[in-house]
Amino acid sequence: MDKTAKIRELNDRARTTFKNVQVMLALGIRTRPEKEVSEILERVRTFNEFTPANNPYLENDCACFDYNGDRIIWKFDYYSSSDMQYASDDPADPNKTTRVLTIMDAAQDW
């Protein structure tokens, strides 16, 4: 499996299960009613509308969708597993990488 395919697989697994990932909710998401937060999280988990326009590197690492008239963005960042202070030098290696999935409201958090 090539590196891009491995990153995509790891991202998809992390996003759909919320396992082996730190999920961060930006203020524009955290302050919503619990029902809305749950619905947004479910939309992120089940997102499958990747296109060349929103996924140019084929890593399934970032996308957005509309929710009740608001633009919701989610994206992955990759940090070194040892301290999370530096970017990972190999996001395809889960032993060297901690994934952070940030979910935000484009109007409030971007």
PDB file of N, CA and C in Angstrom:
ATOM      1  N   MET A   1       0.854  -1.179   0.000  1.00  0.00           N
ATOM      2  CA  MET A   1       0.000   0.000   0.000  1.00  0.00           C
ATOM      3  C   MET A   1       0.893   1.232   0.000  1.00  0.00           C
ATOM      4  N   ASP A   2       0.587   2.173  -0.877  1.00  0.00           N
ATOM      5  CA  ASP A   2       1.412   3.383  -0.922  1.00  0.00           C
ATOM      6  C   ASP A   2       1.079   4.298   0.263  1.00  0.00           C
ATOM      7  N   LYS A   3       1.923   5.278   0.473  1.00  0.00           N
ATOM      8  CA  LYS A   3       1.807   6.166   1.635  1.00  0.00           C
ATOM      9  C   LYS A   3       0.476   6.927   1.650  1.00  0.00           C
ATOM     10  N   THR A   4       0.055   7.441   0.506  1.00  0.00           N
ATOM     11  CA  THR A   4      -1.212   8.182   0.444  1.00  0.00           C
ATOM     12  C   THR A   4      -2.381   7.287   0.816  1.00  0.00           C
ATOM     13  N   ALA A   5      -2.406   6.083   0.315  1.00  0.00           N
ATOM     14  CA  ALA A   5      -3.485   5.144   0.640  1.00  0.00           C
ATOM     15  C   ALA A   5      -3.486   4.803   2.123  1.00  0.00           C
ATOM     16  N   LYS A   6      -2.304   4.650   2.722  1.00  0.00           N
ATOM     17  CA  LYS A   6      -2.204   4.344   4.155  1.00  0.00           C
ATOM     18  C   LYS A   6      -2.721   5.516   4.990  1.00  0.00           C
ATOM     19  N   ILE A   7      -2.340   6.733   4.631  1.00  0.00           N
ATOM     20  CA  ILE A   7      -2.829   7.924   5.349  1.00  0.00           C
ATOM     21  C   ILE A   7      -4.351   8.006   5.233  1.00  0.00           C
ATOM     22  N   ARG A   8      -4.866   7.797   4.044  1.00  0.00           N
ATOM     23  CA  ARG A   8      -6.314   7.831   3.825  1.00  0.00           C
ATOM     24  C   ARG A   8      -7.012   6.775   4.684  1.00  0.00           C
ATOM     25  N   GLU A   9      -6.476   5.567   4.715  1.00  0.00           N
ATOM     26  CA  GLU A   9      -7.065   4.497   5.527  1.00  0.00           C
ATOM     27  C   GLU A   9      -7.069   4.865   7.006  1.00  0.00           C
ATOM     28  N   LEU A  10      -5.944   5.375   7.502  1.00  0.00           N
ATOM     29  CA  LEU A  10      -5.856   5.766   8.917  1.00  0.00           C
ATOM     30  C   LEU A  10      -6.805   6.924   9.229  1.00  0.00           C
ATOM     31  N   ASN A  11      -6.887   7.895   8.325  1.00  0.00           N
ATOM     32  CA  ASN A  11      -7.802   9.022   8.536  1.00  0.00           C
ATOM     33  C   ASN A  11      -9.253   8.551   8.547  1.00  0.00           C
ATOM     34  N   ASP A  12      -9.610   7.710   7.590  1.00  0.00           N
ATOM     35  CA  ASP A  12     -10.990   7.222   7.540  1.00  0.00           C
ATOM     36  C   ASP A  12     -11.345   6.424   8.792  1.00  0.00           C
ATOM     37  N   ARG A  13     -10.451   5.581   9.220  1.00  0.00           N
ATOM     38  CA  ARG A  13     -10.701   4.792  10.434  1.00  0.00           C
ATOM     39  C   ARG A  13     -10.853   5.702  11.655  1.00  0.00           C
ATOM     40  N   ALA A  14      -9.972   6.669  11.778  1.00  0.00           N
ATOM     41  CA  ALA A  14     -10.048   7.592  12.922  1.00  0.00           C
ATOM     42  C   ALA A  14     -11.336   8.409  12.886  1.00  0.00           C
ATOM     43  N   ARG A  15     -11.688   8.897  11.712  1.00  0.00           N
ATOM     44  CA  ARG A  15     -12.876   9.752  11.583  1.00  0.00           C
ATOM     45  C   ARG A  15     -14.165   8.974  11.790  1.00  0.00           C
ATOM     46  N   THR A  16     -14.247   7.769  11.285  1.00  0.00           N
ATOM     47  CA  THR A  16     -15.501   7.019  11.377  1.00  0.00           C
ATOM     48  C   THR A  16     -15.711   6.355  12.724  1.00  0.00           C
ATOM     49  N   THR A  17     -14.626   6.142  13.477  1.00  0.00           N
ATOM     50  CA  THR A  17     -14.750   5.463  14.774  1.00  0.00           C
ATOM     51  C   THR A  17     -14.427   6.369  15.963  1.00  0.00           C
ATOM     52  N   PHE A  18     -13.720   7.463  15.703  1.00  0.00           N
ATOM     53  CA  PHE A  18     -13.184   8.346  16.749  1.00  0.00           C
ATOM     54  C   PHE A  18     -12.262   7.575  17.700  1.00  0.00           C
ATOM     55  N   LYS A  19     -11.595   6.547  17.176  1.00  0.00           N
ATOM     56  CA  LYS A  19     -10.602   5.795  17.944  1.00  0.00           C
ATOM     57  C   LYS A  19      -9.223   6.134  17.410  1.00  0.00           C
ATOM     58  N   ASN A  20      -8.243   6.133  18.303  1.00  0.00           N
ATOM     59  CA  ASN A  20      -6.854   6.463  17.942  1.00  0.00           C
ATOM     60  C   ASN A  20      -6.757   7.856  17.338  1.00  0.00           C
ATOM     61  N   VAL A  21      -7.542   8.772  17.875  1.00  0.00           N
ATOM     62  CA  VAL A  21      -7.544  10.163  17.429  1.00  0.00           C
ATOM     63  C   VAL A  21      -8.001  11.029  18.598  1.00  0.00           C
ATOM     64  N   GLN A  22      -7.471  12.215  18.683  1.00  0.00           N
ATOM     65  CA  GLN A  22      -7.988  13.199  19.633  1.00  0.00           C
ATOM     66  C   GLN A  22      -8.950  14.085  18.872  1.00  0.00           C
ATOM     67  N   VAL A  23     -10.189  14.129  19.316  1.00  0.00           N
ATOM     68  CA  VAL A  23     -11.206  14.947  18.660  1.00  0.00           C
ATOM     69  C   VAL A  23     -11.322  16.259  19.412  1.00  0.00           C
ATOM     70  N   MET A  24     -11.116  17.345  18.696  1.00  0.00           N
ATOM     71  CA  MET A  24     -11.196  18.679  19.291  1.00  0.00           C
ATOM     72  C   MET A  24     -12.401  19.405  18.697  1.00  0.00           C
ATOM     73  N   LEU A  25     -13.263  19.905  19.541  1.00  0.00           N
ATOM     74  CA  LEU A  25     -14.411  20.684  19.095  1.00  0.00           C
ATOM     75  C   LEU A  25     -14.123  22.149  19.366  1.00  0.00           C
ATOM     76  N   ALA A  26     -14.105  22.943  18.319  1.00  0.00           N
ATOM     77  CA  ALA A  26     -13.876  24.378  18.481  1.00  0.00           C
ATOM     78  C   ALA A  26     -15.086  24.997  19.177  1.00  0.00           C
ATOM     79  N   LEU A  27     -14.906  26.205  19.677  1.00  0.00           N
ATOM     80  CA  LEU A  27     -15.934  26.879  20.459  1.00  0.00           C
ATOM     81  C   LEU A  27     -17.277  26.947  19.737  1.00  0.00           C
ATOM     82  N   GLY A  28     -17.263  27.202  18.436  1.00  0.00           N
ATOM     83  CA  GLY A  28     -18.504  27.303  17.675  1.00  0.00           C
ATOM     84  C   GLY A  28     -19.281  26.000  17.612  1.00  0.00           C
ATOM     85  N   ILE A  29     -18.638  24.900  17.911  1.00  0.00           N
ATOM     86  CA  ILE A  29     -19.306  23.596  17.985  1.00  0.00           C
ATOM     87  C   ILE A  29     -19.645  23.276  19.439  1.00  0.00           C
ATOM     88  N   ARG A  30     -18.679  23.459  20.339  1.00  0.00           N
ATOM     89  CA  ARG A  30     -18.878  23.115  21.761  1.00  0.00           C
ATOM     90  C   ARG A  30     -20.043  23.849  22.397  1.00  0.00           C
ATOM     91  N   THR A  31     -20.324  25.054  21.951  1.00  0.00           N
ATOM     92  CA  THR A  31     -21.363  25.850  22.607  1.00  0.00           C
ATOM     93  C   THR A  31     -22.763  25.600  22.043  1.00  0.00           C
ATOM     94  N   ARG A  32     -22.889  24.712  21.110  1.00  0.00           N
ATOM     95  CA  ARG A  32     -24.203  24.371  20.549  1.00  0.00           C
ATOM     96  C   ARG A  32     -24.948  23.422  21.495  1.00  0.00           C
ATOM     97  N   PRO A  33     -26.250  23.323  21.315  1.00  0.00           N
ATOM     98  CA  PRO A  33     -27.007  22.334  22.106  1.00  0.00           C
ATOM     99  C   PRO A  33     -26.488  20.914  21.845  1.00  0.00           C
ATOM    100  N   GLU A  34     -26.596  20.061  22.835  1.00  0.00           N
ATOM    101  CA  GLU A  34     -26.068  18.696  22.763  1.00  0.00           C
ATOM    102  C   GLU A  34     -26.591  17.928  21.540  1.00  0.00           C
ATOM    103  N   LYS A  35     -27.840  18.101  21.210  1.00  0.00           N
ATOM    104  CA  LYS A  35     -28.432  17.412  20.055  1.00  0.00           C
ATOM    105  C   LYS A  35     -27.718  17.825  18.761  1.00  0.00           C
ATOM    106  N   GLU A  36     -27.429  19.107  18.614  1.00  0.00           N
ATOM    107  CA  GLU A  36     -26.732  19.580  17.420  1.00  0.00           C
ATOM    108  C   GLU A  36     -25.310  19.037  17.360  1.00  0.00           C
ATOM    109  N   VAL A  37     -24.623  19.036  18.496  1.00  0.00           N
ATOM    110  CA  VAL A  37     -23.259  18.500  18.535  1.00  0.00           C
ATOM    111  C   VAL A  37     -23.279  17.035  18.102  1.00  0.00           C
ATOM    112  N   SER A  38     -24.217  16.270  18.626  1.00  0.00           N
ATOM    113  CA  SER A  38     -24.327  14.853  18.256  1.00  0.00           C
ATOM    114  C   SER A  38     -24.573  14.692  16.762  1.00  0.00           C
ATOM    115  N   GLU A  39     -25.447  15.515  16.213  1.00  0.00           N
ATOM    116  CA  GLU A  39     -25.746  15.434  14.779  1.00  0.00           C
ATOM    117  C   GLU A  39     -24.523  15.804  13.937  1.00  0.00           C
ATOM    118  N   ILE A  40     -23.799  16.818  14.357  1.00  0.00           N
ATOM    119  CA  ILE A  40     -22.590  17.226  13.625  1.00  0.00           C
ATOM    120  C   ILE A  40     -21.540  16.119  13.682  1.00  0.00           C
ATOM    121  N   LEU A  41     -21.333  15.540  14.860  1.00  0.00           N
ATOM    122  CA  LEU A  41     -20.369  14.450  14.985  1.00  0.00           C
ATOM    123  C   LEU A  41     -20.750  13.276  14.085  1.00  0.00           C
ATOM    124  N   GLU A  42     -22.023  12.964  14.018  1.00  0.00           N
ATOM    125  CA  GLU A  42     -22.478  11.884  13.151  1.00  0.00           C
ATOM    126  C   GLU A  42     -22.235  12.213  11.676  1.00  0.00           C
ATOM    127  N   ARG A  43     -22.448  13.461  11.305  1.00  0.00           N
ATOM    128  CA  ARG A  43     -22.180  13.869   9.911  1.00  0.00           C
ATOM    129  C   ARG A  43     -20.695  13.731   9.582  1.00  0.00           C
ATOM    130  N   VAL A  44     -19.825  14.075  10.535  1.00  0.00           N
ATOM    131  CA  VAL A  44     -18.387  13.914  10.310  1.00  0.00           C
ATOM    132  C   VAL A  44     -18.058  12.429  10.153  1.00  0.00           C
ATOM    133  N   ARG A  45     -18.577  11.602  11.060  1.00  0.00           N
ATOM    134  CA  ARG A  45     -18.307  10.159  11.000  1.00  0.00           C
ATOM    135  C   ARG A  45     -18.738   9.532   9.685  1.00  0.00           C
ATOM    136  N   THR A  46     -19.857   9.979   9.155  1.00  0.00           N
ATOM    137  CA  THR A  46     -20.422   9.331   7.968  1.00  0.00           C
ATOM    138  C   THR A  46     -20.118  10.087   6.675  1.00  0.00           C
ATOM    139  N   PHE A  47     -19.330  11.151   6.758  1.00  0.00           N
ATOM    140  CA  PHE A  47     -19.008  11.934   5.566  1.00  0.00           C
ATOM    141  C   PHE A  47     -18.346  11.034   4.521  1.00  0.00           C
ATOM    142  N   ASN A  48     -18.846  11.110   3.297  1.00  0.00           N
ATOM    143  CA  ASN A  48     -18.284  10.294   2.235  1.00  0.00           C
ATOM    144  C   ASN A  48     -18.430  10.999   0.888  1.00  0.00           C
ATOM    145  N   GLU A  49     -18.374  12.306   0.898  1.00  0.00           N
ATOM    146  CA  GLU A  49     -18.578  13.092  -0.312  1.00  0.00           C
ATOM    147  C   GLU A  49     -17.252  13.684  -0.811  1.00  0.00           C
ATOM    148  N   PHE A  50     -16.225  12.878  -0.807  1.00  0.00           N
ATOM    149  CA  PHE A  50     -14.916  13.348  -1.246  1.00  0.00           C
ATOM    150  C   PHE A  50     -14.896  13.489  -2.768  1.00  0.00           C
ATOM    151  N   THR A  51     -14.338  14.607  -3.203  1.00  0.00           N
ATOM    152  CA  THR A  51     -14.215  14.894  -4.631  1.00  0.00           C
ATOM    153  C   THR A  51     -12.807  15.446  -4.870  1.00  0.00           C
ATOM    154  N   PRO A  52     -12.386  15.534  -6.106  1.00  0.00           N
ATOM    155  CA  PRO A  52     -11.086  16.154  -6.374  1.00  0.00           C
ATOM    156  C   PRO A  52     -11.008  17.597  -5.866  1.00  0.00           C
ATOM    157  N   ALA A  53     -12.112  18.282  -5.812  1.00  0.00           N
ATOM    158  CA  ALA A  53     -12.110  19.673  -5.347  1.00  0.00           C
ATOM    159  C   ALA A  53     -11.869  19.779  -3.844  1.00  0.00           C
ATOM    160  N   ASN A  54     -12.425  18.847  -3.049  1.00  0.00           N
ATOM    161  CA  ASN A  54     -12.262  18.958  -1.599  1.00  0.00           C
ATOM    162  C   ASN A  54     -11.246  17.961  -1.046  1.00  0.00           C
ATOM    163  N   ASN A  55     -10.652  17.171  -1.915  1.00  0.00           N
ATOM    164  CA  ASN A  55      -9.713  16.147  -1.476  1.00  0.00           C
ATOM    165  C   ASN A  55      -8.575  15.994  -2.493  1.00  0.00           C
ATOM    166  N   PRO A  56      -7.862  17.090  -2.776  1.00  0.00           N
ATOM    167  CA  PRO A  56      -6.875  17.052  -3.868  1.00  0.00           C
ATOM    168  C   PRO A  56      -5.703  16.100  -3.623  1.00  0.00           C
ATOM    169  N   TYR A  57      -5.374  15.812  -2.370  1.00  0.00           N
ATOM    170  CA  TYR A  57      -4.240  14.933  -2.080  1.00  0.00           C
ATOM    171  C   TYR A  57      -4.666  13.496  -1.817  1.00  0.00           C
ATOM    172  N   LEU A  58      -5.984  13.234  -1.886  1.00  0.00           N
ATOM    173  CA  LEU A  58      -6.556  11.890  -1.737  1.00  0.00           C
ATOM    174  C   LEU A  58      -6.312  11.277  -0.366  1.00  0.00           C
ATOM    175  N   GLU A  59      -6.144  12.129   0.654  1.00  0.00           N
ATOM    176  CA  GLU A  59      -5.883  11.632   2.008  1.00  0.00           C
ATOM    177  C   GLU A  59      -7.121  11.669   2.902  1.00  0.00           C
ATOM    178  N   ASN A  60      -8.237  12.164   2.404  1.00  0.00           N
ATOM    179  CA  ASN A  60      -9.466  12.287   3.210  1.00  0.00           C
ATOM    180  C   ASN A  60      -9.165  12.969   4.548  1.00  0.00           C
ATOM    181  N   ASP A  61      -8.437  14.082   4.462  1.00  0.00           N
ATOM    182  CA  ASP A  61      -7.947  14.747   5.671  1.00  0.00           C
ATOM    183  C   ASP A  61      -8.676  16.037   6.030  1.00  0.00           C
ATOM    184  N   CYS A  62      -9.603  16.476   5.186  1.00  0.00           N
ATOM    185  CA  CYS A  62     -10.296  17.734   5.449  1.00  0.00           C
ATOM    186  C   CYS A  62     -11.528  17.796   4.559  1.00  0.00           C
ATOM    187  N   ALA A  63     -12.606  18.352   5.089  1.00  0.00           N
ATOM    188  CA  ALA A  63     -13.810  18.557   4.273  1.00  0.00           C
ATOM    189  C   ALA A  63     -14.737  19.509   5.015  1.00  0.00           C
ATOM    190  N   CYS A  64     -15.811  19.870   4.353  1.00  0.00           N
ATOM    191  CA  CYS A  64     -16.811  20.720   4.981  1.00  0.00           C
ATOM    192  C   CYS A  64     -18.193  20.317   4.480  1.00  0.00           C
ATOM    193  N   PHE A  65     -19.189  20.723   5.241  1.00  0.00           N
ATOM    194  CA  PHE A  65     -20.570  20.458   4.871  1.00  0.00           C
ATOM    195  C   PHE A  65     -21.447  21.520   5.511  1.00  0.00           C
ATOM    196  N   ASP A  66     -22.646  21.663   4.989  1.00  0.00           N
ATOM    197  CA  ASP A  66     -23.607  22.606   5.546  1.00  0.00           C
ATOM    198  C   ASP A  66     -24.452  21.914   6.603  1.00  0.00           C
ATOM    199  N   TYR A  67     -24.664  22.619   7.698  1.00  0.00           N
ATOM    200  CA  TYR A  67     -25.509  22.107   8.776  1.00  0.00           C
ATOM    201  C   TYR A  67     -26.396  23.259   9.247  1.00  0.00           C
ATOM    202  N   ASN A  68     -27.681  23.149   9.006  1.00  0.00           N
ATOM    203  CA  ASN A  68     -28.644  24.182   9.421  1.00  0.00           C
ATOM    204  C   ASN A  68     -28.204  25.586   9.006  1.00  0.00           C
ATOM    205  N   GLY A  69     -27.681  25.702   7.798  1.00  0.00           N
ATOM    206  CA  GLY A  69     -27.271  27.001   7.274  1.00  0.00           C
ATOM    207  C   GLY A  69     -25.866  27.432   7.664  1.00  0.00           C
ATOM    208  N   ASP A  70     -25.172  26.634   8.461  1.00  0.00           N
ATOM    209  CA  ASP A  70     -23.801  26.944   8.871  1.00  0.00           C
ATOM    210  C   ASP A  70     -22.836  26.022   8.135  1.00  0.00           C
ATOM    211  N   ARG A  71     -21.649  26.536   7.887  1.00  0.00           N
ATOM    212  CA  ARG A  71     -20.609  25.751   7.232  1.00  0.00           C
ATOM    213  C   ARG A  71     -19.754  25.110   8.315  1.00  0.00           C
ATOM    214  N   ILE A  72     -19.724  23.789   8.348  1.00  0.00           N
ATOM    215  CA  ILE A  72     -18.925  23.036   9.316  1.00  0.00           C
ATOM    216  C   ILE A  72     -17.694  22.504   8.593  1.00  0.00           C
ATOM    217  N   ILE A  73     -16.544  22.690   9.206  1.00  0.00           N
ATOM    218  CA  ILE A  73     -15.278  22.224   8.648  1.00  0.00           C
ATOM    219  C   ILE A  73     -14.667  21.221   9.618  1.00  0.00           C
ATOM    220  N   TRP A  74     -14.117  20.157   9.075  1.00  0.00           N
ATOM    221  CA  TRP A  74     -13.317  19.251   9.904  1.00  0.00           C
ATOM    222  C   TRP A  74     -11.995  19.000   9.188  1.00  0.00           C
ATOM    223  N   LYS A  75     -10.943  18.792   9.989  1.00  0.00           N
ATOM    224  CA  LYS A  75      -9.614  18.588   9.407  1.00  0.00           C
ATOM    225  C   LYS A  75      -8.721  17.823  10.367  1.00  0.00           C
ATOM    226  N   PHE A  76      -7.789  17.108   9.792  1.00  0.00           N
ATOM    227  CA  PHE A  76      -6.793  16.383  10.577  1.00  0.00           C
ATOM    228  C   PHE A  76      -5.490  17.157  10.626  1.00  0.00           C
ATOM    229  N   ASP A  77      -4.834  17.065  11.767  1.00  0.00           N
ATOM    230  CA  ASP A  77      -3.445  17.493  11.918  1.00  0.00           C
ATOM    231  C   ASP A  77      -2.687  16.292  12.451  1.00  0.00           C
ATOM    232  N   TYR A  78      -1.407  16.232  12.154  1.00  0.00           N
ATOM    233  CA  TYR A  78      -0.581  15.082  12.521  1.00  0.00           C
ATOM    234  C   TYR A  78       0.590  15.566  13.376  1.00  0.00           C
ATOM    235  N   TYR A  79       0.714  14.999  14.559  1.00  0.00           N
ATOM    236  CA  TYR A  79       1.775  15.391  15.476  1.00  0.00           C
ATOM    237  C   TYR A  79       2.646  14.189  15.810  1.00  0.00           C
ATOM    238  N   SER A  80       3.879  14.487  16.215  1.00  0.00           N
ATOM    239  CA  SER A  80       4.751  13.402  16.664  1.00  0.00           C
ATOM    240  C   SER A  80       4.134  12.801  17.923  1.00  0.00           C
ATOM    241  N   SER A  81       4.139  11.498  18.016  1.00  0.00           N
ATOM    242  CA  SER A  81       3.499  10.819  19.132  1.00  0.00           C
ATOM    243  C   SER A  81       4.187  11.075  20.455  1.00  0.00           C
ATOM    244  N   SER A  82       5.463  11.356  20.414  1.00  0.00           N
ATOM    245  CA  SER A  82       6.204  11.476  21.664  1.00  0.00           C
ATOM    246  C   SER A  82       5.807  12.692  22.491  1.00  0.00           C
ATOM    247  N   ASP A  83       5.496  13.816  21.864  1.00  0.00           N
ATOM    248  CA  ASP A  83       5.217  15.016  22.653  1.00  0.00           C
ATOM    249  C   ASP A  83       4.111  15.916  22.094  1.00  0.00           C
ATOM    250  N   MET A  84       3.679  15.658  20.901  1.00  0.00           N
ATOM    251  CA  MET A  84       2.651  16.454  20.229  1.00  0.00           C
ATOM    252  C   MET A  84       3.025  17.935  20.113  1.00  0.00           C
ATOM    253  N   GLN A  85       4.295  18.244  20.165  1.00  0.00           N
ATOM    254  CA  GLN A  85       4.734  19.621  19.983  1.00  0.00           C
ATOM    255  C   GLN A  85       5.188  19.886  18.558  1.00  0.00           C
ATOM    256  N   TYR A  86       5.453  18.820  17.813  1.00  0.00           N
ATOM    257  CA  TYR A  86       5.984  18.966  16.473  1.00  0.00           C
ATOM    258  C   TYR A  86       5.139  18.162  15.490  1.00  0.00           C
ATOM    259  N   ALA A  87       5.187  18.559  14.256  1.00  0.00           N
ATOM    260  CA  ALA A  87       4.476  17.824  13.214  1.00  0.00           C
ATOM    261  C   ALA A  87       5.101  16.442  13.045  1.00  0.00           C
ATOM    262  N   SER A  88       4.269  15.481  12.753  1.00  0.00           N
ATOM    263  CA  SER A  88       4.768  14.131  12.488  1.00  0.00           C
ATOM    264  C   SER A  88       5.555  14.134  11.185  1.00  0.00           C
ATOM    265  N   ASP A  89       6.644  13.394  11.167  1.00  0.00           N
ATOM    266  CA  ASP A  89       7.412  13.278   9.934  1.00  0.00           C
ATOM    267  C   ASP A  89       6.893  12.145   9.047  1.00  0.00           C
ATOM    268  N   ASP A  90       5.899  11.384   9.556  1.00  0.00           N
ATOM    269  CA  ASP A  90       5.354  10.287   8.750  1.00  0.00           C
ATOM    270  C   ASP A  90       3.916   9.977   9.177  1.00  0.00           C
ATOM    271  N   PRO A  91       2.928  10.725   8.668  1.00  0.00           N
ATOM    272  CA  PRO A  91       1.525  10.473   9.030  1.00  0.00           C
ATOM    273  C   PRO A  91       1.016   9.088   8.624  1.00  0.00           C
ATOM    274  N   ALA A  92       1.754   8.373   7.795  1.00  0.00           N
ATOM    275  CA  ALA A  92       1.361   7.019   7.417  1.00  0.00           C
ATOM    276  C   ALA A  92       1.744   5.993   8.475  1.00  0.00           C
ATOM    277  N   ASP A  93       2.543   6.404   9.442  1.00  0.00           N
ATOM    278  CA  ASP A  93       2.988   5.490  10.497  1.00  0.00           C
ATOM    279  C   ASP A  93       2.261   5.812  11.798  1.00  0.00           C
ATOM    280  N   PRO A  94       1.296   4.980  12.197  1.00  0.00           N
ATOM    281  CA  PRO A  94       0.533   5.280  13.421  1.00  0.00           C
ATOM    282  C   PRO A  94       1.371   5.207  14.694  1.00  0.00           C
ATOM    283  N   ASN A  95       2.515   4.564  14.630  1.00  0.00           N
ATOM    284  CA  ASN A  95       3.385   4.497  15.805  1.00  0.00           C
ATOM    285  C   ASN A  95       4.167   5.783  16.017  1.00  0.00           C
ATOM    286  N   LYS A  96       4.270   6.601  14.980  1.00  0.00           N
ATOM    287  CA  LYS A  96       5.014   7.858  15.072  1.00  0.00           C
ATOM    288  C   LYS A  96       4.092   9.072  15.060  1.00  0.00           C
ATOM    289  N   THR A  97       2.772   8.840  14.950  1.00  0.00           N
ATOM    290  CA  THR A  97       1.849   9.944  14.701  1.00  0.00           C
ATOM    291  C   THR A  97       0.653   9.905  15.632  1.00  0.00           C
ATOM    292  N   THR A  98       0.341  11.056  16.198  1.00  0.00           N
ATOM    293  CA  THR A  98      -0.923  11.252  16.905  1.00  0.00           C
ATOM    294  C   THR A  98      -1.798  12.109  16.008  1.00  0.00           C
ATOM    295  N   ARG A  99      -2.979  11.605  15.696  1.00  0.00           N
ATOM    296  CA  ARG A  99      -3.927  12.340  14.858  1.00  0.00           C
ATOM    297  C   ARG A  99      -4.821  13.200  15.737  1.00  0.00           C
ATOM    298  N   VAL A 100      -5.055  14.423  15.282  1.00  0.00           N
ATOM    299  CA  VAL A 100      -5.989  15.333  15.946  1.00  0.00           C
ATOM    300  C   VAL A 100      -7.004  15.750  14.893  1.00  0.00           C
ATOM    301  N   LEU A 101      -8.264  15.485  15.190  1.00  0.00           N
ATOM    302  CA  LEU A 101      -9.360  15.850  14.310  1.00  0.00           C
ATOM    303  C   LEU A 101     -10.067  17.055  14.917  1.00  0.00           C
ATOM    304  N   THR A 102     -10.008  18.181  14.241  1.00  0.00           N
ATOM    305  CA  THR A 102     -10.647  19.405  14.721  1.00  0.00           C
ATOM    306  C   THR A 102     -11.913  19.645  13.911  1.00  0.00           C
ATOM    307  N   ILE A 103     -13.001  19.937  14.631  1.00  0.00           N
ATOM    308  CA  ILE A 103     -14.286  20.200  14.006  1.00  0.00           C
ATOM    309  C   ILE A 103     -14.679  21.618  14.407  1.00  0.00           C
ATOM    310  N   MET A 104     -15.018  22.454  13.404  1.00  0.00           N
ATOM    311  CA  MET A 104     -15.272  23.869  13.707  1.00  0.00           C
ATOM    312  C   MET A 104     -16.375  24.435  12.836  1.00  0.00           C
ATOM    313  N   ASP A 105     -16.931  25.545  13.295  1.00  0.00           N
ATOM    314  CA  ASP A 105     -17.915  26.322  12.548  1.00  0.00           C
ATOM    315  C   ASP A 105     -17.136  27.391  11.785  1.00  0.00           C
ATOM    316  N   ALA A 106     -17.241  27.391  10.466  1.00  0.00           N
ATOM    317  CA  ALA A 106     -16.442  28.293   9.643  1.00  0.00           C
ATOM    318  C   ALA A 106     -16.666  29.745  10.011  1.00  0.00           C
ATOM    319  N   ALA A 107     -17.885  30.133  10.330  1.00  0.00           N
ATOM    320  CA  ALA A 107     -18.193  31.538  10.619  1.00  0.00           C
ATOM    321  C   ALA A 107     -17.659  31.985  11.974  1.00  0.00           C
ATOM    322  N   GLN A 108     -17.611  31.079  12.936  1.00  0.00           N
ATOM    323  CA  GLN A 108     -17.216  31.449  14.293  1.00  0.00           C
ATOM    324  C   GLN A 108     -15.785  31.116  14.640  1.00  0.00           C
ATOM    325  N   ASP A 109     -15.286  30.045  14.069  1.00  0.00           N
ATOM    326  CA  ASP A 109     -13.993  29.516  14.527  1.00  0.00           C
ATOM    327  C   ASP A 109     -12.857  29.709  13.544  1.00  0.00           C
ATOM    328  N   TRP A 110     -13.131  30.032  12.314  1.00  0.00           N
ATOM    329  CA  TRP A 110     -12.090  30.075  11.296  1.00  0.00           C
ATOM    330  C   TRP A 110     -11.383  31.374  11.288  1.00  0.00           C
TER     331      TRP A 110
END
